Amino acid sequence: MVRFQTIYPGWYTPRVQHIHARIVLERKVAATVQLYFPEKLNRAVALRKPYNQRPPSPYNNLNDFVISQSRGGDGSWLKMTETDGGYRGSLTIGVKV
C-alpha cells in the first residue's frame, strides 16, 4: 500500500488532468500507469483558484487521446471523496509478479 499527497494537476496540451505513477517492485518497474479523475470534478476544480486563472481546458475525458487509445482507461479511474479542504482519491492496482 502506498499513499502520497499532491496538488490537483492542471491540464496541458493535448491532455486532460491526470497523474503519472510508476510501480516498482524489487528495484524493477512493474507497471507505469496514468490515473484519471471524474470529468465532473475536473470541471469543478477548474472554477477554483488558482486553476481559474487560465482558460478552461479544451480537453476532457471523452476527447483525451490516451484514454481513447487505452479503451477508456479501464482500471485507471480514481474513486474520489471530498475531505476537509480537498479531495481524496483511491484506487487498487494489481500487479503480477
N, C-alpha and C. Protein backbone atom coordinates (compact mmCIF):
# COMPACT_ATOMS: atom_id res chain seq x y z
N MET A 1 0.85 -1.17 0.00
CA MET A 1 0.00 0.00 0.00
C MET A 1 0.89 1.23 0.00
N VAL A 2 0.47 2.24 -0.76
CA VAL A 2 1.22 3.48 -0.82
C VAL A 2 0.23 4.65 -0.70
N ARG A 3 0.71 5.72 -0.10
CA ARG A 3 -0.07 6.96 -0.01
C ARG A 3 0.84 8.10 -0.44
N PHE A 4 0.27 9.04 -1.16
CA PHE A 4 1.02 10.25 -1.47
C PHE A 4 0.07 11.42 -1.48
N GLN A 5 0.61 12.59 -1.23
CA GLN A 5 -0.17 13.81 -1.22
C GLN A 5 0.37 14.72 -2.30
N THR A 6 -0.55 15.33 -3.05
CA THR A 6 -0.15 16.18 -4.17
C THR A 6 -1.21 17.24 -4.39
N ILE A 7 -0.93 18.18 -5.25
CA ILE A 7 -1.94 19.13 -5.66
C ILE A 7 -2.73 18.53 -6.81
N TYR A 8 -3.90 19.09 -7.06
CA TYR A 8 -4.69 18.63 -8.20
C TYR A 8 -3.96 19.08 -9.46
N PRO A 9 -3.70 18.18 -10.38
CA PRO A 9 -2.91 18.57 -11.56
C PRO A 9 -3.68 19.50 -12.50
N GLY A 10 -2.95 20.34 -13.17
CA GLY A 10 -3.53 21.16 -14.22
C GLY A 10 -3.52 20.39 -15.53
N TRP A 11 -4.06 20.99 -16.56
CA TRP A 11 -4.07 20.34 -17.86
C TRP A 11 -2.96 20.92 -18.72
N TYR A 12 -2.56 20.16 -19.71
CA TYR A 12 -1.60 20.64 -20.70
C TYR A 12 -2.02 20.09 -22.05
N THR A 13 -1.60 20.77 -23.11
CA THR A 13 -1.95 20.37 -24.47
C THR A 13 -1.23 19.07 -24.81
N PRO A 14 -1.86 18.06 -25.25
CA PRO A 14 -3.27 17.88 -25.55
C PRO A 14 -3.94 16.93 -24.56
N ARG A 15 -3.67 17.06 -23.28
CA ARG A 15 -4.13 16.07 -22.30
C ARG A 15 -5.07 16.64 -21.25
N VAL A 16 -5.95 15.77 -20.79
CA VAL A 16 -6.84 16.06 -19.67
C VAL A 16 -6.02 15.90 -18.38
N GLN A 17 -6.54 16.39 -17.27
CA GLN A 17 -5.84 16.25 -15.99
C GLN A 17 -5.65 14.77 -15.66
N HIS A 18 -4.44 14.43 -15.21
CA HIS A 18 -4.13 13.06 -14.83
C HIS A 18 -2.84 13.04 -14.02
N ILE A 19 -2.57 11.91 -13.41
CA ILE A 19 -1.34 11.72 -12.63
C ILE A 19 -0.60 10.52 -13.21
N HIS A 20 0.70 10.66 -13.41
CA HIS A 20 1.54 9.54 -13.81
C HIS A 20 2.03 8.84 -12.55
N ALA A 21 2.05 7.53 -12.57
CA ALA A 21 2.56 6.77 -11.44
C ALA A 21 3.33 5.56 -11.96
N ARG A 22 4.34 5.20 -11.23
CA ARG A 22 5.15 4.04 -11.59
C ARG A 22 5.22 3.12 -10.37
N ILE A 23 4.98 1.85 -10.60
CA ILE A 23 5.04 0.86 -9.53
C ILE A 23 6.36 0.11 -9.67
N VAL A 24 7.15 0.14 -8.62
CA VAL A 24 8.46 -0.50 -8.63
C VAL A 24 8.47 -1.60 -7.57
N LEU A 25 8.81 -2.81 -7.99
CA LEU A 25 8.93 -3.94 -7.09
C LEU A 25 10.33 -4.51 -7.21
N GLU A 26 11.00 -4.65 -6.10
CA GLU A 26 12.35 -5.19 -6.08
C GLU A 26 13.27 -4.49 -7.08
N ARG A 27 13.18 -3.16 -7.10
CA ARG A 27 14.02 -2.30 -7.94
C ARG A 27 13.75 -2.43 -9.43
N LYS A 28 12.63 -3.04 -9.80
CA LYS A 28 12.26 -3.17 -11.21
C LYS A 28 10.90 -2.54 -11.41
N VAL A 29 10.76 -1.83 -12.53
CA VAL A 29 9.47 -1.22 -12.85
C VAL A 29 8.48 -2.32 -13.21
N ALA A 30 7.42 -2.44 -12.40
CA ALA A 30 6.42 -3.47 -12.63
C ALA A 30 5.26 -2.92 -13.47
N ALA A 31 5.03 -1.61 -13.37
CA ALA A 31 3.93 -1.00 -14.15
C ALA A 31 4.10 0.51 -14.15
N THR A 32 3.67 1.12 -15.23
CA THR A 32 3.56 2.57 -15.33
C THR A 32 2.12 2.85 -15.72
N VAL A 33 1.47 3.72 -14.95
CA VAL A 33 0.04 3.98 -15.16
C VAL A 33 -0.24 5.47 -15.17
N GLN A 34 -1.40 5.81 -15.68
CA GLN A 34 -1.93 7.16 -15.60
C GLN A 34 -3.25 7.07 -14.86
N LEU A 35 -3.43 7.93 -13.88
CA LEU A 35 -4.62 7.93 -13.04
C LEU A 35 -5.50 9.10 -13.44
N TYR A 36 -6.79 8.83 -13.61
CA TYR A 36 -7.72 9.84 -14.12
C TYR A 36 -8.77 10.21 -13.09
N PHE A 37 -9.29 11.42 -13.24
CA PHE A 37 -10.31 11.98 -12.35
C PHE A 37 -11.65 12.03 -13.06
N PRO A 38 -12.75 11.97 -12.30
CA PRO A 38 -14.06 12.13 -12.92
C PRO A 38 -14.18 13.50 -13.59
N GLU A 39 -14.81 13.55 -14.75
CA GLU A 39 -14.94 14.80 -15.51
C GLU A 39 -15.64 15.88 -14.70
N LYS A 40 -16.66 15.52 -13.95
CA LYS A 40 -17.39 16.49 -13.14
C LYS A 40 -16.45 17.18 -12.14
N LEU A 41 -15.53 16.44 -11.56
CA LEU A 41 -14.57 17.02 -10.63
C LEU A 41 -13.57 17.90 -11.36
N ASN A 42 -13.09 17.48 -12.53
CA ASN A 42 -12.18 18.32 -13.31
C ASN A 42 -12.80 19.68 -13.58
N ARG A 43 -14.08 19.69 -13.96
CA ARG A 43 -14.76 20.96 -14.25
C ARG A 43 -14.93 21.81 -13.00
N ALA A 44 -15.25 21.18 -11.87
CA ALA A 44 -15.43 21.92 -10.62
C ALA A 44 -14.12 22.54 -10.14
N VAL A 45 -13.04 21.79 -10.22
CA VAL A 45 -11.73 22.31 -9.80
C VAL A 45 -11.30 23.46 -10.71
N ALA A 46 -11.60 23.39 -12.00
CA ALA A 46 -11.21 24.43 -12.95
C ALA A 46 -11.83 25.79 -12.62
N LEU A 47 -12.90 25.80 -11.86
CA LEU A 47 -13.57 27.05 -11.49
C LEU A 47 -12.96 27.70 -10.25
N ARG A 48 -12.07 26.98 -9.56
CA ARG A 48 -11.49 27.47 -8.32
C ARG A 48 -10.09 28.03 -8.55
N LYS A 49 -9.68 28.96 -7.66
CA LYS A 49 -8.31 29.48 -7.70
C LYS A 49 -7.35 28.37 -7.31
N PRO A 50 -6.18 28.32 -7.89
CA PRO A 50 -5.62 29.15 -8.93
C PRO A 50 -5.94 28.66 -10.34
N TYR A 51 -6.68 27.55 -10.45
CA TYR A 51 -6.95 26.95 -11.75
C TYR A 51 -7.76 27.86 -12.67
N ASN A 52 -8.58 28.72 -12.08
CA ASN A 52 -9.41 29.61 -12.90
C ASN A 52 -8.64 30.81 -13.43
N GLN A 53 -7.36 30.86 -13.20
CA GLN A 53 -6.53 31.96 -13.72
C GLN A 53 -6.13 31.75 -15.17
N ARG A 54 -6.46 30.62 -15.73
CA ARG A 54 -6.18 30.36 -17.14
C ARG A 54 -7.46 29.88 -17.81
N PRO A 55 -7.50 29.90 -19.12
CA PRO A 55 -8.73 29.47 -19.81
C PRO A 55 -9.08 28.02 -19.46
N PRO A 56 -10.35 27.69 -19.53
CA PRO A 56 -10.74 26.29 -19.28
C PRO A 56 -10.09 25.36 -20.30
N SER A 57 -9.85 24.15 -19.88
CA SER A 57 -9.24 23.17 -20.77
C SER A 57 -10.19 22.79 -21.90
N PRO A 58 -9.68 22.72 -23.12
CA PRO A 58 -10.49 22.20 -24.23
C PRO A 58 -10.53 20.67 -24.22
N TYR A 59 -9.79 20.06 -23.30
CA TYR A 59 -9.67 18.60 -23.24
C TYR A 59 -10.53 18.06 -22.11
N ASN A 60 -11.14 16.92 -22.37
CA ASN A 60 -11.94 16.27 -21.35
C ASN A 60 -11.74 14.76 -21.48
N ASN A 61 -12.35 14.03 -20.57
CA ASN A 61 -12.17 12.58 -20.56
C ASN A 61 -12.68 11.91 -21.83
N LEU A 62 -13.62 12.55 -22.50
CA LEU A 62 -14.17 11.96 -23.73
C LEU A 62 -13.28 12.18 -24.94
N ASN A 63 -12.50 13.30 -24.96
CA ASN A 63 -11.68 13.56 -26.14
C ASN A 63 -10.17 13.40 -25.88
N ASP A 64 -9.79 12.88 -24.72
CA ASP A 64 -8.37 12.64 -24.43
C ASP A 64 -7.91 11.42 -25.24
N PHE A 65 -6.87 11.61 -26.04
CA PHE A 65 -6.45 10.55 -26.96
C PHE A 65 -5.86 9.34 -26.24
N VAL A 66 -5.22 9.52 -25.08
CA VAL A 66 -4.65 8.37 -24.37
C VAL A 66 -5.77 7.53 -23.75
N ILE A 67 -6.76 8.19 -23.19
CA ILE A 67 -7.90 7.45 -22.64
C ILE A 67 -8.57 6.67 -23.76
N SER A 68 -8.73 7.32 -24.90
CA SER A 68 -9.35 6.66 -26.05
C SER A 68 -8.53 5.46 -26.52
N GLN A 69 -7.21 5.64 -26.65
CA GLN A 69 -6.34 4.56 -27.11
C GLN A 69 -6.30 3.39 -26.14
N SER A 70 -6.53 3.68 -24.86
CA SER A 70 -6.48 2.60 -23.87
C SER A 70 -7.88 2.06 -23.57
N ARG A 71 -8.77 2.22 -24.55
CA ARG A 71 -10.15 1.72 -24.45
C ARG A 71 -10.88 2.25 -23.22
N GLY A 72 -10.74 3.55 -22.98
CA GLY A 72 -11.48 4.17 -21.90
C GLY A 72 -10.76 4.23 -20.57
N GLY A 73 -9.49 3.90 -20.56
CA GLY A 73 -8.72 3.98 -19.32
C GLY A 73 -9.21 3.01 -18.25
N ASP A 74 -9.75 1.88 -18.69
CA ASP A 74 -10.31 0.90 -17.76
C ASP A 74 -9.32 0.60 -16.63
N GLY A 75 -9.78 0.69 -15.40
CA GLY A 75 -8.95 0.40 -14.23
C GLY A 75 -8.07 1.55 -13.79
N SER A 76 -8.20 2.71 -14.43
CA SER A 76 -7.33 3.86 -14.11
C SER A 76 -8.09 5.03 -13.49
N TRP A 77 -9.34 4.84 -13.15
CA TRP A 77 -10.17 5.94 -12.65
C TRP A 77 -10.13 5.98 -11.14
N LEU A 78 -9.69 7.11 -10.61
CA LEU A 78 -9.66 7.29 -9.16
C LEU A 78 -11.07 7.40 -8.60
N LYS A 79 -11.31 6.77 -7.47
CA LYS A 79 -12.56 6.95 -6.74
C LYS A 79 -12.33 8.14 -5.82
N MET A 80 -13.06 9.21 -6.04
CA MET A 80 -12.82 10.46 -5.33
C MET A 80 -13.85 10.68 -4.23
N THR A 81 -13.37 11.16 -3.09
CA THR A 81 -14.24 11.58 -2.00
C THR A 81 -13.77 12.95 -1.53
N GLU A 82 -14.72 13.79 -1.15
CA GLU A 82 -14.39 15.13 -0.67
C GLU A 82 -13.97 15.03 0.79
N THR A 83 -12.93 15.78 1.15
CA THR A 83 -12.43 15.83 2.53
C THR A 83 -12.41 17.29 2.97
N ASP A 84 -12.05 17.53 4.19
CA ASP A 84 -11.91 18.91 4.67
C ASP A 84 -10.81 19.61 3.87
N GLY A 85 -11.21 20.54 3.03
CA GLY A 85 -10.24 21.32 2.27
C GLY A 85 -9.68 20.65 1.04
N GLY A 86 -10.25 19.55 0.60
CA GLY A 86 -9.70 18.91 -0.59
C GLY A 86 -10.45 17.66 -0.98
N TYR A 87 -9.73 16.76 -1.63
CA TYR A 87 -10.30 15.52 -2.12
C TYR A 87 -9.33 14.38 -1.83
N ARG A 88 -9.87 13.19 -1.73
CA ARG A 88 -9.04 12.00 -1.58
C ARG A 88 -9.40 11.05 -2.71
N GLY A 89 -8.38 10.60 -3.41
CA GLY A 89 -8.59 9.64 -4.48
C GLY A 89 -8.03 8.29 -4.06
N SER A 90 -8.72 7.23 -4.43
CA SER A 90 -8.22 5.90 -4.12
C SER A 90 -8.40 4.98 -5.32
N LEU A 91 -7.52 4.01 -5.40
CA LEU A 91 -7.57 3.05 -6.50
C LEU A 91 -6.74 1.84 -6.09
N THR A 92 -7.24 0.67 -6.37
CA THR A 92 -6.49 -0.56 -6.15
C THR A 92 -5.92 -1.01 -7.49
N ILE A 93 -4.62 -1.23 -7.51
CA ILE A 93 -3.93 -1.67 -8.73
C ILE A 93 -3.28 -3.00 -8.43
N GLY A 94 -3.58 -4.01 -9.21
CA GLY A 94 -2.94 -5.31 -9.05
C GLY A 94 -1.81 -5.46 -10.05
N VAL A 95 -0.72 -6.05 -9.60
CA VAL A 95 0.44 -6.26 -10.47
C VAL A 95 0.87 -7.73 -10.34
N LYS A 96 1.00 -8.39 -11.48
CA LYS A 96 1.51 -9.77 -11.47
C LYS A 96 3.00 -9.74 -11.19
N VAL A 97 3.44 -10.62 -10.31
CA VAL A 97 4.88 -10.71 -10.00
C VAL A 97 5.42 -12.06 -10.40
